[in-house]
Amino acid sequence: MSQENHQNYQPQHIAIIMDGNGRWAKKRFLPRFVGHQKGLKSVKRLVAHCSAQGIKALTLFAFSTENWRRPEDEVNKLMGLFLRALQKEVSKLNDNNVRLLIVGDRTAFNAEIQEHITIAESMTCNNTGLVLSIAANYGGRWDIVEAVKKWQLANPDRSVSELNERELSPYVALSELPEVDLLIRTGGEQRVSNFLIWQIAYAEFYFTEDLWPDFNEESIDKAIASFAQRERRFGKTSEQVAK
């Protein structure tokens, strides 16, 4: 369905900035890492719910390129949590017909994590249900720069001055999926934090005060209900959309 004709009550592609794990733990006088562990449980619930609701794609911002600046101990624990999730959860995704993609610069991860990313993507590559994309060591600006580099490699005899949106689009991450039409951010902040800058060009934004570990099935249903009330015009007038 083209953007012009897209007037759907349910989003096809939901992207979520999962914010608030650390604050959730701090409020309970717990180590920050406990918040991240609790946040993983929220991920599992939401993946199952979106899959059951027939959502085509769900993209989660798990670890940004800027997150390496966090304390070393916290980063190491996050990497350990990422590895364990790859080792233990992928078979469940596969059993539920979920396809897993890891989006971002994976060269910064250790060899074991990179190996399990490859295994996870290969195991689920033929699944036809929900596409779950995990943005890890990802940044929107990095994504666009990488897309330009890939275009140039594919077109060595052409000048970048000839490049346009249509030609660059296939080289941007997640280009095979529907464009993001609903962006959710938990934790009360109202910014996109270098997440999917290209892909959210026409997305509806939904911000909530809920901290990520508290974000549940009811929470995402509220976000989808809010989306259903939006008028998706894509530059047209309301009268044109109504025709």
Protein backbone atom coordinates (compact mmCIF):
# COMPACT_ATOMS: atom_id res chain seq x y z
CA MET A 1 0.00 0.00 0.00
CA SER A 2 1.45 3.39 -0.95
CA GLN A 3 1.93 6.21 1.54
CA GLU A 4 -0.77 8.23 -0.20
CA ASN A 5 -3.36 5.48 0.25
CA HIS A 6 -2.23 4.36 3.68
CA GLN A 7 -5.06 5.01 6.11
CA ASN A 8 -4.86 2.03 8.41
CA TYR A 9 -6.14 1.78 11.96
CA GLN A 10 -3.24 -0.45 12.94
CA PRO A 11 0.40 0.44 12.32
CA GLN A 12 2.42 -1.92 10.16
CA HIS A 13 5.78 -1.07 11.70
CA ILE A 14 6.23 0.03 15.32
CA ALA A 15 9.58 1.33 16.57
CA ILE A 16 10.24 1.78 20.28
CA ILE A 17 12.91 3.69 22.20
CA MET A 18 12.98 1.63 25.39
CA ASP A 19 13.87 4.24 28.01
CA GLY A 20 13.73 4.11 31.79
CA ASN A 21 15.30 0.83 32.92
CA GLY A 22 17.83 2.57 35.15
CA ARG A 23 15.30 4.95 36.67
CA TRP A 24 12.91 2.05 37.30
CA ALA A 25 15.63 0.32 39.32
CA LYS A 26 16.69 3.50 41.12
CA LYS A 27 13.12 4.15 42.30
CA ARG A 28 13.23 0.73 43.96
CA PHE A 29 16.76 1.17 45.39
CA LEU A 30 18.01 -1.61 43.12
CA PRO A 31 21.12 -1.79 40.90
CA ARG A 32 20.59 -0.40 37.40
CA PHE A 33 21.21 -3.81 35.89
CA VAL A 34 18.10 -5.18 37.60
CA GLY A 35 16.14 -2.63 35.59
CA HIS A 36 17.71 -3.94 32.38
CA GLN A 37 16.79 -7.51 33.33
CA LYS A 38 13.22 -6.42 34.02
CA GLY A 39 13.22 -4.55 30.73
CA LEU A 40 14.04 -7.76 28.86
CA LYS A 41 10.89 -9.32 30.30
CA SER A 42 8.91 -6.41 28.88
CA VAL A 43 10.49 -7.06 25.48
CA LYS A 44 9.35 -10.68 25.54
CA ARG A 45 5.79 -9.71 26.50
CA LEU A 46 5.55 -7.04 23.81
CA VAL A 47 6.97 -9.26 21.08
CA ALA A 48 4.39 -11.94 21.85
CA HIS A 49 1.58 -9.35 21.94
CA CYS A 50 2.56 -7.62 18.68
CA SER A 51 2.91 -10.98 16.99
CA ALA A 52 -0.58 -12.00 18.14
CA GLN A 53 -2.01 -8.65 16.96
CA GLY A 54 -0.68 -9.15 13.45
CA ILE A 55 1.84 -6.29 13.54
CA LYS A 56 4.24 -6.82 10.64
CA ALA A 57 7.39 -5.29 12.12
CA LEU A 58 8.67 -4.24 15.54
CA THR A 59 12.00 -2.45 15.93
CA LEU A 60 13.52 -1.91 19.37
CA PHE A 61 16.34 0.49 20.26
CA ALA A 62 18.44 -1.68 22.58
CA PHE A 63 21.89 -0.07 22.50
CA SER A 64 22.95 3.11 20.74
CA THR A 65 26.39 4.06 19.51
CA GLU A 66 26.43 6.60 22.36
CA ASN A 67 25.72 3.99 25.05
CA TRP A 68 29.37 2.87 25.04
CA ARG A 69 29.98 6.01 27.14
CA ARG A 70 28.17 4.45 30.09
CA PRO A 71 30.19 3.01 33.01
CA GLU A 72 32.25 0.02 31.90
CA ASP A 73 30.64 -2.35 34.38
CA GLU A 74 27.15 -1.49 33.12
CA VAL A 75 28.20 -1.91 29.46
CA ASN A 76 29.77 -5.30 30.23
CA LYS A 77 26.59 -6.46 31.96
CA LEU A 78 24.47 -5.25 29.05
CA MET A 79 26.65 -7.18 26.62
CA GLY A 80 26.25 -10.27 28.80
CA LEU A 81 22.48 -9.82 28.84
CA PHE A 82 22.47 -9.42 25.05
CA LEU A 83 24.47 -12.63 24.61
CA ARG A 84 22.24 -14.63 26.94
CA ALA A 85 19.15 -13.38 25.12
CA LEU A 86 20.65 -14.50 21.81
CA GLN A 87 21.47 -17.90 23.29
CA LYS A 88 18.20 -18.56 25.11
CA GLU A 89 15.40 -16.65 23.43
CA VAL A 90 15.97 -17.16 19.71
CA SER A 91 14.60 -20.72 19.63
CA LYS A 92 11.36 -19.39 21.17
CA LEU A 93 11.16 -16.69 18.51
CA ASN A 94 11.72 -19.33 15.85
CA ASP A 95 8.99 -21.54 17.30
CA ASN A 96 6.61 -18.57 17.04
CA ASN A 97 7.47 -17.78 13.40
CA VAL A 98 9.28 -14.53 14.34
CA ARG A 99 12.14 -13.37 12.13
CA LEU A 100 15.01 -11.68 13.98
CA LEU A 101 17.24 -8.95 12.56
CA ILE A 102 20.10 -7.21 14.36
CA VAL A 103 20.63 -3.70 13.02
CA GLY A 104 23.78 -1.70 13.67
CA ASP A 105 27.56 -1.85 13.54
CA ARG A 106 28.18 -5.33 14.91
CA THR A 107 31.98 -5.09 14.47
CA ALA A 108 32.25 -3.52 17.94
CA PHE A 109 30.85 -6.66 19.61
CA ASN A 110 33.08 -9.51 20.68
CA ALA A 111 33.43 -12.59 18.48
CA GLU A 112 31.01 -14.69 20.55
CA ILE A 113 28.20 -12.13 20.26
CA GLN A 114 28.83 -11.72 16.53
CA GLU A 115 28.69 -15.49 16.07
CA HIS A 116 25.37 -15.78 17.90
CA ILE A 117 23.92 -12.86 15.92
CA THR A 118 24.71 -14.77 12.72
CA ILE A 119 23.23 -17.97 14.12
CA ALA A 120 20.05 -16.19 15.29
CA GLU A 121 19.44 -14.45 11.98
CA SER A 122 20.10 -17.64 10.01
CA MET A 123 17.80 -19.72 12.22
CA THR A 124 14.85 -17.35 11.77
CA CYS A 125 15.47 -16.03 8.25
CA ASN A 126 12.64 -17.99 6.62
CA ASN A 127 9.98 -17.14 9.21
CA THR A 128 6.97 -15.27 7.86
CA GLY A 129 5.45 -13.71 10.98
CA LEU A 130 6.51 -10.63 12.92
CA VAL A 131 9.90 -9.18 11.95
CA LEU A 132 11.67 -8.24 15.18
CA SER A 133 14.60 -5.89 14.61
CA ILE A 134 16.97 -5.10 17.46
CA ALA A 135 18.98 -1.92 16.97
CA ALA A 136 22.28 -2.59 18.74
CA ASN A 137 25.30 -0.31 18.44
CA TYR A 138 23.07 1.66 16.10
CA GLY A 139 22.84 5.34 15.24
CA GLY A 140 20.66 6.99 12.64
CA ARG A 141 23.44 9.21 11.31
CA TRP A 142 25.77 6.21 11.06
CA ASP A 143 23.03 4.38 9.14
CA ILE A 144 22.74 7.13 6.53
CA VAL A 145 26.51 7.47 6.10
CA GLU A 146 26.80 3.69 5.66
CA ALA A 147 24.00 3.75 3.09
CA VAL A 148 25.87 6.36 1.03
CA LYS A 149 29.05 4.24 1.19
CA LYS A 150 27.14 1.13 0.05
CA TRP A 151 25.54 3.05 -2.80
CA GLN A 152 28.95 4.27 -3.95
CA LEU A 153 30.40 0.74 -3.81
CA ALA A 154 27.48 -0.51 -5.89
CA ASN A 155 27.86 2.39 -8.34
CA PRO A 156 31.62 3.02 -8.62
CA ASP A 157 31.33 4.81 -11.94
CA ARG A 158 28.76 7.32 -10.75
CA SER A 159 29.15 10.56 -8.80
CA VAL A 160 27.50 11.13 -5.41
CA SER A 161 26.07 14.28 -6.97
CA GLU A 162 23.71 11.96 -8.88
CA LEU A 163 22.40 10.35 -5.70
CA ASN A 164 18.75 10.88 -4.76
CA GLU A 165 16.29 9.60 -2.14
CA ARG A 166 14.89 6.84 -4.31
CA GLU A 167 18.30 5.40 -5.08
CA LEU A 168 19.64 5.66 -1.53
CA SER A 169 16.59 4.17 0.15
CA PRO A 170 17.41 0.48 -0.56
CA TYR A 171 20.76 0.85 1.22
CA VAL A 172 19.33 2.20 4.48
CA ALA A 173 18.71 -0.30 7.29
CA LEU A 174 15.30 -2.04 7.29
CA SER A 175 14.59 -0.98 3.71
CA GLU A 176 12.86 -4.32 3.06
CA LEU A 177 10.25 -3.57 5.75
CA PRO A 178 7.28 -1.17 5.72
CA GLU A 179 8.31 2.33 6.78
CA VAL A 180 7.96 3.02 10.48
CA ASP A 181 4.51 4.51 11.01
CA LEU A 182 4.46 4.61 14.84
CA LEU A 183 7.40 5.62 17.03
CA ILE A 184 6.99 5.09 20.78
CA ARG A 185 9.32 6.41 23.46
CA THR A 186 8.90 5.42 27.08
CA GLY A 187 10.36 7.13 30.14
CA GLY A 188 8.96 10.64 29.67
CA GLU A 189 11.60 12.03 27.30
CA GLN A 190 10.43 13.55 24.01
CA ARG A 191 13.29 13.18 21.55
CA VAL A 192 14.37 10.60 18.97
CA SER A 193 18.00 10.26 20.15
CA ASN A 194 19.52 9.47 16.73
CA PHE A 195 17.16 6.52 16.18
CA LEU A 196 16.02 5.58 12.66
CA ILE A 197 16.29 9.15 11.41
CA TRP A 198 15.58 8.16 7.81
CA GLN A 199 12.93 5.55 8.61
CA ILE A 200 10.74 7.72 10.87
CA ALA A 201 10.31 10.55 8.36
CA TYR A 202 6.52 10.02 8.28
CA ALA A 203 6.01 8.28 11.62
CA GLU A 204 3.48 9.31 14.23
CA PHE A 205 5.13 9.91 17.62
CA TYR A 206 3.79 8.62 20.93
CA PHE A 207 5.50 9.59 24.19
CA THR A 208 4.62 8.08 27.55
CA GLU A 209 5.79 8.62 31.12
CA ASP A 210 5.80 4.84 31.68
CA LEU A 211 9.27 3.51 32.37
CA TRP A 212 10.14 0.66 30.03
CA PRO A 213 9.86 -2.19 32.58
CA ASP A 214 6.29 -1.02 33.30
CA PHE A 215 5.33 -0.82 29.61
CA ASN A 216 3.01 -3.75 28.92
CA GLU A 217 0.34 -5.05 26.55
CA GLU A 218 -2.21 -2.48 27.72
CA SER A 219 0.36 0.27 27.23
CA ILE A 220 1.05 -0.57 23.61
CA ASP A 221 -2.67 -0.98 22.93
CA LYS A 222 -3.10 2.62 24.13
CA ALA A 223 -0.37 3.75 21.74
CA ILE A 224 -2.01 1.91 18.86
CA ALA A 225 -5.39 3.41 19.78
CA SER A 226 -3.78 6.87 19.71
CA PHE A 227 -2.33 6.08 16.28
CA ALA A 228 -5.77 5.09 15.05
CA GLN A 229 -7.05 8.60 15.83
CA ARG A 230 -4.36 10.33 13.79
CA GLU A 231 -5.02 11.58 10.27
CA ARG A 232 -2.23 10.41 7.98
CA ARG A 233 -2.06 13.08 5.27
CA PHE A 234 1.51 12.86 3.86
CA GLY A 235 1.37 16.45 2.65
CA LYS A 236 -2.20 16.30 1.37
CA THR A 237 -5.21 18.16 2.77
CA SER A 238 -7.87 16.43 4.86
CA GLU A 239 -10.27 16.74 1.94
CA GLN A 240 -7.88 14.94 -0.40
CA VAL A 241 -7.34 12.12 2.09
CA ALA A 242 -11.08 11.67 2.51
CA LYS A 243 -11.61 11.06 -1.19
